[in-house]
Amino acid sequence: MSGFTAKEAAAYDRWKTQPPEETAPIAYDWQEAPLYPGDLCYITEDGYVLEDETKAYMDAVFRKEEINVWEEK
């Protein structure tokens, strides 16, 4: 016995099988990708940058150069 009435069980089954409602984006990031509530972002001059995309942003915006700090001049 599940402890639910037939009406409660039917309502639960309908709820369980319905897809979740689509959430509308609340903003867009520096690549025009949608952002949703709960996304963690950095705010930059170019717009929002998702925390997971910071490396891609840095590579796109800044030049990477290897230096040798022990090199004598």
PDB file of N, CA and C in Angstrom:
ATOM      1  N   MET A   1       0.846  -1.182   0.000  1.00  0.00           N
ATOM      2  CA  MET A   1       0.000   0.000   0.000  1.00  0.00           C
ATOM      3  C   MET A   1       0.885   1.237   0.000  1.00  0.00           C
ATOM      4  N   SER A   2       0.637   2.150  -0.904  1.00  0.00           N
ATOM      5  CA  SER A   2       1.488   3.324  -1.055  1.00  0.00           C
ATOM      6  C   SER A   2       1.114   4.454  -0.112  1.00  0.00           C
ATOM      7  N   GLY A   3      -0.071   4.453   0.430  1.00  0.00           N
ATOM      8  CA  GLY A   3      -0.494   5.532   1.314  1.00  0.00           C
ATOM      9  C   GLY A   3      -1.150   6.678   0.557  1.00  0.00           C
ATOM     10  N   PHE A   4      -1.274   6.569  -0.764  1.00  0.00           N
ATOM     11  CA  PHE A   4      -1.920   7.599  -1.579  1.00  0.00           C
ATOM     12  C   PHE A   4      -3.303   7.128  -1.983  1.00  0.00           C
ATOM     13  N   THR A   5      -4.208   8.077  -2.130  1.00  0.00           N
ATOM     14  CA  THR A   5      -5.509   7.743  -2.704  1.00  0.00           C
ATOM     15  C   THR A   5      -5.322   7.591  -4.209  1.00  0.00           C
ATOM     16  N   ALA A   6      -6.296   7.027  -4.872  1.00  0.00           N
ATOM     17  CA  ALA A   6      -6.212   6.851  -6.326  1.00  0.00           C
ATOM     18  C   ALA A   6      -6.095   8.204  -7.025  1.00  0.00           C
ATOM     19  N   LYS A   7      -6.795   9.211  -6.506  1.00  0.00           N
ATOM     20  CA  LYS A   7      -6.747  10.551  -7.096  1.00  0.00           C
ATOM     21  C   LYS A   7      -5.347  11.156  -6.929  1.00  0.00           C
ATOM     22  N   GLU A   8      -4.750  10.998  -5.746  1.00  0.00           N
ATOM     23  CA  GLU A   8      -3.397  11.519  -5.500  1.00  0.00           C
ATOM     24  C   GLU A   8      -2.370  10.797  -6.372  1.00  0.00           C
ATOM     25  N   ALA A   9      -2.514   9.500  -6.506  1.00  0.00           N
ATOM     26  CA  ALA A   9      -1.584   8.730  -7.327  1.00  0.00           C
ATOM     27  C   ALA A   9      -1.685   9.148  -8.791  1.00  0.00           C
ATOM     28  N   ALA A  10      -2.885   9.397  -9.281  1.00  0.00           N
ATOM     29  CA  ALA A  10      -3.066   9.829 -10.670  1.00  0.00           C
ATOM     30  C   ALA A  10      -2.449  11.211 -10.883  1.00  0.00           C
ATOM     31  N   ALA A  11      -2.627  12.111  -9.922  1.00  0.00           N
ATOM     32  CA  ALA A  11      -2.038  13.452 -10.030  1.00  0.00           C
ATOM     33  C   ALA A  11      -0.515  13.365 -10.020  1.00  0.00           C
ATOM     34  N   TYR A  12       0.021  12.510  -9.176  1.00  0.00           N
ATOM     35  CA  TYR A  12       1.477  12.332  -9.129  1.00  0.00           C
ATOM     36  C   TYR A  12       1.999  11.783 -10.454  1.00  0.00           C
ATOM     37  N   ASP A  13       1.298  10.810 -11.023  1.00  0.00           N
ATOM     38  CA  ASP A  13       1.720  10.239 -12.301  1.00  0.00           C
ATOM     39  C   ASP A  13       1.709  11.290 -13.410  1.00  0.00           C
ATOM     40  N   ARG A  14       0.687  12.165 -13.427  1.00  0.00           N
ATOM     41  CA  ARG A  14       0.645  13.239 -14.427  1.00  0.00           C
ATOM     42  C   ARG A  14       1.818  14.190 -14.229  1.00  0.00           C
ATOM     43  N   TRP A  15       2.099  14.561 -12.978  1.00  0.00           N
ATOM     44  CA  TRP A  15       3.202  15.479 -12.671  1.00  0.00           C
ATOM     45  C   TRP A  15       4.543  14.859 -13.055  1.00  0.00           C
ATOM     46  N   LYS A  16       4.703  13.578 -12.738  1.00  0.00           N
ATOM     47  CA  LYS A  16       5.969  12.891 -12.970  1.00  0.00           C
ATOM     48  C   LYS A  16       6.276  12.754 -14.457  1.00  0.00           C
ATOM     49  N   THR A  17       5.279  12.618 -15.301  1.00  0.00           N
ATOM     50  CA  THR A  17       5.503  12.383 -16.721  1.00  0.00           C
ATOM     51  C   THR A  17       5.490  13.660 -17.552  1.00  0.00           C
ATOM     52  N   GLN A  18       5.145  14.799 -16.974  1.00  0.00           N
ATOM     53  CA  GLN A  18       5.155  16.053 -17.723  1.00  0.00           C
ATOM     54  C   GLN A  18       6.566  16.624 -17.758  1.00  0.00           C
ATOM     55  N   PRO A  19       7.003  17.093 -18.924  1.00  0.00           N
ATOM     56  CA  PRO A  19       8.325  17.721 -18.977  1.00  0.00           C
ATOM     57  C   PRO A  19       8.319  19.026 -18.176  1.00  0.00           C
ATOM     58  N   PRO A  20       9.456  19.407 -17.637  1.00  0.00           N
ATOM     59  CA  PRO A  20       9.503  20.659 -16.883  1.00  0.00           C
ATOM     60  C   PRO A  20       9.239  21.844 -17.806  1.00  0.00           C
ATOM     61  N   GLU A  21       8.700  22.906 -17.235  1.00  0.00           N
ATOM     62  CA  GLU A  21       8.433  24.111 -18.010  1.00  0.00           C
ATOM     63  C   GLU A  21       9.755  24.725 -18.462  1.00  0.00           C
ATOM     64  N   GLU A  22       9.768  25.214 -19.688  1.00  0.00           N
ATOM     65  CA  GLU A  22      10.956  25.875 -20.218  1.00  0.00           C
ATOM     66  C   GLU A  22      11.120  27.226 -19.523  1.00  0.00           C
ATOM     67  N   THR A  23      12.312  27.481 -19.044  1.00  0.00           N
ATOM     68  CA  THR A  23      12.610  28.751 -18.410  1.00  0.00           C
ATOM     69  C   THR A  23      13.141  29.700 -19.471  1.00  0.00           C
ATOM     70  N   ALA A  24      12.633  30.908 -19.479  1.00  0.00           N
ATOM     71  CA  ALA A  24      13.103  31.907 -20.437  1.00  0.00           C
ATOM     72  C   ALA A  24      14.451  32.452 -19.979  1.00  0.00           C
ATOM     73  N   PRO A  25      15.355  32.718 -20.915  1.00  0.00           N
ATOM     74  CA  PRO A  25      16.648  33.294 -20.523  1.00  0.00           C
ATOM     75  C   PRO A  25      16.443  34.677 -19.916  1.00  0.00           C
ATOM     76  N   ILE A  26      17.294  35.009 -18.942  1.00  0.00           N
ATOM     77  CA  ILE A  26      17.185  36.321 -18.295  1.00  0.00           C
ATOM     78  C   ILE A  26      18.242  37.292 -18.810  1.00  0.00           C
ATOM     79  N   ALA A  27      19.235  36.784 -19.532  1.00  0.00           N
ATOM     80  CA  ALA A  27      20.298  37.613 -20.102  1.00  0.00           C
ATOM     81  C   ALA A  27      21.045  36.769 -21.129  1.00  0.00           C
ATOM     82  N   TYR A  28      22.040  37.395 -21.764  1.00  0.00           N
ATOM     83  CA  TYR A  28      22.875  36.697 -22.740  1.00  0.00           C
ATOM     84  C   TYR A  28      24.335  36.979 -22.426  1.00  0.00           C
ATOM     85  N   ASP A  29      25.206  36.003 -22.703  1.00  0.00           N
ATOM     86  CA  ASP A  29      26.623  36.172 -22.378  1.00  0.00           C
ATOM     87  C   ASP A  29      27.377  36.842 -23.523  1.00  0.00           C
ATOM     88  N   TRP A  30      28.677  36.907 -23.410  1.00  0.00           N
ATOM     89  CA  TRP A  30      29.532  37.593 -24.381  1.00  0.00           C
ATOM     90  C   TRP A  30      29.497  36.961 -25.762  1.00  0.00           C
ATOM     91  N   GLN A  31      29.010  35.712 -25.859  1.00  0.00           N
ATOM     92  CA  GLN A  31      28.874  35.025 -27.148  1.00  0.00           C
ATOM     93  C   GLN A  31      27.413  34.931 -27.579  1.00  0.00           C
ATOM     94  N   GLU A  32      26.554  35.707 -26.935  1.00  0.00           N
ATOM     95  CA  GLU A  32      25.112  35.730 -27.209  1.00  0.00           C
ATOM     96  C   GLU A  32      24.412  34.424 -26.854  1.00  0.00           C
ATOM     97  N   ALA A  33      25.007  33.626 -25.974  1.00  0.00           N
ATOM     98  CA  ALA A  33      24.362  32.405 -25.482  1.00  0.00           C
ATOM     99  C   ALA A  33      23.428  32.788 -24.329  1.00  0.00           C
ATOM    100  N   PRO A  34      22.281  32.142 -24.213  1.00  0.00           N
ATOM    101  CA  PRO A  34      21.336  32.501 -23.159  1.00  0.00           C
ATOM    102  C   PRO A  34      21.851  32.148 -21.766  1.00  0.00           C
ATOM    103  N   LEU A  35      21.479  32.977 -20.800  1.00  0.00           N
ATOM    104  CA  LEU A  35      21.793  32.740 -19.391  1.00  0.00           C
ATOM    105  C   LEU A  35      20.486  32.571 -18.633  1.00  0.00           C
ATOM    106  N   TYR A  36      20.504  31.673 -17.660  1.00  0.00           N
ATOM    107  CA  TYR A  36      19.307  31.340 -16.907  1.00  0.00           C
ATOM    108  C   TYR A  36      19.528  31.594 -15.420  1.00  0.00           C
ATOM    109  N   PRO A  37      18.449  31.715 -14.653  1.00  0.00           N
ATOM    110  CA  PRO A  37      18.607  31.913 -13.206  1.00  0.00           C
ATOM    111  C   PRO A  37      19.496  30.825 -12.612  1.00  0.00           C
ATOM    112  N   GLY A  38      20.440  31.230 -11.783  1.00  0.00           N
ATOM    113  CA  GLY A  38      21.341  30.288 -11.139  1.00  0.00           C
ATOM    114  C   GLY A  38      22.683  30.136 -11.833  1.00  0.00           C
ATOM    115  N   ASP A  39      22.820  30.633 -13.082  1.00  0.00           N
ATOM    116  CA  ASP A  39      24.117  30.576 -13.766  1.00  0.00           C
ATOM    117  C   ASP A  39      25.108  31.472 -13.033  1.00  0.00           C
ATOM    118  N   LEU A  40      26.341  30.992 -12.856  1.00  0.00           N
ATOM    119  CA  LEU A  40      27.390  31.780 -12.216  1.00  0.00           C
ATOM    120  C   LEU A  40      28.228  32.444 -13.297  1.00  0.00           C
ATOM    121  N   CYS A  41      28.316  33.773 -13.239  1.00  0.00           N
ATOM    122  CA  CYS A  41      28.987  34.535 -14.286  1.00  0.00           C
ATOM    123  C   CYS A  41      29.917  35.583 -13.700  1.00  0.00           C
ATOM    124  N   TYR A  42      30.893  35.950 -14.516  1.00  0.00           N
ATOM    125  CA  TYR A  42      31.718  37.125 -14.256  1.00  0.00           C
ATOM    126  C   TYR A  42      31.177  38.237 -15.149  1.00  0.00           C
ATOM    127  N   ILE A  43      31.234  39.470 -14.667  1.00  0.00           N
ATOM    128  CA  ILE A  43      30.824  40.610 -15.470  1.00  0.00           C
ATOM    129  C   ILE A  43      32.085  41.251 -16.031  1.00  0.00           C
ATOM    130  N   THR A  44      32.156  41.374 -17.354  1.00  0.00           N
ATOM    131  CA  THR A  44      33.323  41.953 -18.017  1.00  0.00           C
ATOM    132  C   THR A  44      32.867  43.098 -18.915  1.00  0.00           C
ATOM    133  N   GLU A  45      33.827  43.765 -19.538  1.00  0.00           N
ATOM    134  CA  GLU A  45      33.494  44.821 -20.495  1.00  0.00           C
ATOM    135  C   GLU A  45      32.735  44.266 -21.692  1.00  0.00           C
ATOM    136  N   ASP A  46      32.944  42.993 -22.000  1.00  0.00           N
ATOM    137  CA  ASP A  46      32.283  42.356 -23.136  1.00  0.00           C
ATOM    138  C   ASP A  46      30.945  41.733 -22.772  1.00  0.00           C
ATOM    139  N   GLY A  47      30.562  41.798 -21.523  1.00  0.00           N
ATOM    140  CA  GLY A  47      29.312  41.212 -21.065  1.00  0.00           C
ATOM    141  C   GLY A  47      29.567  40.118 -20.046  1.00  0.00           C
ATOM    142  N   TYR A  48      28.557  39.306 -19.811  1.00  0.00           N
ATOM    143  CA  TYR A  48      28.674  38.215 -18.853  1.00  0.00           C
ATOM    144  C   TYR A  48      29.519  37.084 -19.432  1.00  0.00           C
ATOM    145  N   VAL A  49      30.319  36.454 -18.573  1.00  0.00           N
ATOM    146  CA  VAL A  49      31.105  35.281 -18.955  1.00  0.00           C
ATOM    147  C   VAL A  49      30.797  34.189 -17.937  1.00  0.00           C
ATOM    148  N   LEU A  50      30.256  33.067 -18.420  1.00  0.00           N
ATOM    149  CA  LEU A  50      29.968  31.946 -17.524  1.00  0.00           C
ATOM    150  C   LEU A  50      31.248  31.477 -16.844  1.00  0.00           C
ATOM    151  N   GLU A  51      31.128  31.071 -15.596  1.00  0.00           N
ATOM    152  CA  GLU A  51      32.293  30.616 -14.843  1.00  0.00           C
ATOM    153  C   GLU A  51      33.020  29.486 -15.581  1.00  0.00           C
ATOM    154  N   ASP A  52      32.271  28.577 -16.183  1.00  0.00           N
ATOM    155  CA  ASP A  52      32.874  27.452 -16.905  1.00  0.00           C
ATOM    156  C   ASP A  52      33.529  27.875 -18.224  1.00  0.00           C
ATOM    157  N   GLU A  53      33.258  29.092 -18.694  1.00  0.00           N
ATOM    158  CA  GLU A  53      33.773  29.559 -19.978  1.00  0.00           C
ATOM    159  C   GLU A  53      34.915  30.567 -19.826  1.00  0.00           C
ATOM    160  N   THR A  54      35.422  30.765 -18.612  1.00  0.00           N
ATOM    161  CA  THR A  54      36.441  31.797 -18.408  1.00  0.00           C
ATOM    162  C   THR A  54      37.716  31.516 -19.197  1.00  0.00           C
ATOM    163  N   LYS A  55      38.140  30.272 -19.295  1.00  0.00           N
ATOM    164  CA  LYS A  55      39.351  29.939 -20.056  1.00  0.00           C
ATOM    165  C   LYS A  55      39.159  30.289 -21.525  1.00  0.00           C
ATOM    166  N   ALA A  56      38.024  29.938 -22.096  1.00  0.00           N
ATOM    167  CA  ALA A  56      37.740  30.257 -23.498  1.00  0.00           C
ATOM    168  C   ALA A  56      37.710  31.767 -23.704  1.00  0.00           C
ATOM    169  N   TYR A  57      37.135  32.492 -22.751  1.00  0.00           N
ATOM    170  CA  TYR A  57      37.094  33.953 -22.846  1.00  0.00           C
ATOM    171  C   TYR A  57      38.501  34.535 -22.806  1.00  0.00           C
ATOM    172  N   MET A  58      39.312  34.073 -21.859  1.00  0.00           N
ATOM    173  CA  MET A  58      40.685  34.571 -21.740  1.00  0.00           C
ATOM    174  C   MET A  58      41.474  34.285 -23.017  1.00  0.00           C
ATOM    175  N   ASP A  59      41.324  33.091 -23.571  1.00  0.00           N
ATOM    176  CA  ASP A  59      42.030  32.741 -24.806  1.00  0.00           C
ATOM    177  C   ASP A  59      41.580  33.611 -25.979  1.00  0.00           C
ATOM    178  N   ALA A  60      40.301  33.979 -26.011  1.00  0.00           N
ATOM    179  CA  ALA A  60      39.775  34.785 -27.111  1.00  0.00           C
ATOM    180  C   ALA A  60      40.175  36.254 -26.997  1.00  0.00           C
ATOM    181  N   VAL A  61      40.342  36.742 -25.781  1.00  0.00           N
ATOM    182  CA  VAL A  61      40.565  38.171 -25.573  1.00  0.00           C
ATOM    183  C   VAL A  61      42.036  38.529 -25.385  1.00  0.00           C
ATOM    184  N   PHE A  62      42.788  37.672 -24.713  1.00  0.00           N
ATOM    185  CA  PHE A  62      44.163  38.008 -24.362  1.00  0.00           C
ATOM    186  C   PHE A  62      45.158  37.131 -25.111  1.00  0.00           C
ATOM    187  N   ARG A  63      46.314  37.708 -25.381  1.00  0.00           N
ATOM    188  CA  ARG A  63      47.398  36.982 -26.044  1.00  0.00           C
ATOM    189  C   ARG A  63      48.149  36.173 -24.997  1.00  0.00           C
ATOM    190  N   LYS A  64      48.477  34.941 -25.342  1.00  0.00           N
ATOM    191  CA  LYS A  64      49.225  34.080 -24.432  1.00  0.00           C
ATOM    192  C   LYS A  64      50.677  34.054 -24.887  1.00  0.00           C
ATOM    193  N   GLU A  65      51.590  34.210 -23.927  1.00  0.00           N
ATOM    194  CA  GLU A  65      53.008  34.219 -24.252  1.00  0.00           C
ATOM    195  C   GLU A  65      53.769  33.518 -23.142  1.00  0.00           C
ATOM    196  N   GLU A  66      54.686  32.644 -23.524  1.00  0.00           N
ATOM    197  CA  GLU A  66      55.511  31.957 -22.531  1.00  0.00           C
ATOM    198  C   GLU A  66      56.727  32.822 -22.235  1.00  0.00           C
ATOM    199  N   ILE A  67      57.037  32.967 -20.952  1.00  0.00           N
ATOM    200  CA  ILE A  67      58.210  33.744 -20.571  1.00  0.00           C
ATOM    201  C   ILE A  67      59.135  32.878 -19.741  1.00  0.00           C
ATOM    202  N   ASN A  68      60.391  33.240 -19.723  1.00  0.00           N
ATOM    203  CA  ASN A  68      61.366  32.530 -18.913  1.00  0.00           C
ATOM    204  C   ASN A  68      61.911  33.530 -17.901  1.00  0.00           C
ATOM    205  N   VAL A  69      61.509  33.389 -16.648  1.00  0.00           N
ATOM    206  CA  VAL A  69      61.907  34.362 -15.626  1.00  0.00           C
ATOM    207  C   VAL A  69      63.367  34.220 -15.243  1.00  0.00           C
ATOM    208  N   TRP A  70      63.995  33.114 -15.579  1.00  0.00           N
ATOM    209  CA  TRP A  70      65.391  32.907 -15.186  1.00  0.00           C
ATOM    210  C   TRP A  70      66.373  33.315 -16.281  1.00  0.00           C
ATOM    211  N   GLU A  71      65.850  33.779 -17.370  1.00  0.00           N
ATOM    212  CA  GLU A  71      66.704  34.163 -18.484  1.00  0.00           C
ATOM    213  C   GLU A  71      67.472  35.451 -18.146  1.00  0.00           C
ATOM    214  N   GLU A  72      68.793  35.418 -18.308  1.00  0.00           N
ATOM    215  CA  GLU A  72      69.607  36.599 -18.020  1.00  0.00           C
ATOM    216  C   GLU A  72      69.690  37.477 -19.252  1.00  0.00           C
ATOM    217  N   LYS A  73      69.770  38.768 -19.007  1.00  0.00           N
ATOM    218  CA  LYS A  73      69.881  39.715 -20.119  1.00  0.00           C
ATOM    219  C   LYS A  73      71.194  40.420 -20.080  1.00  0.00           C
TER     220      LYS A  73
END
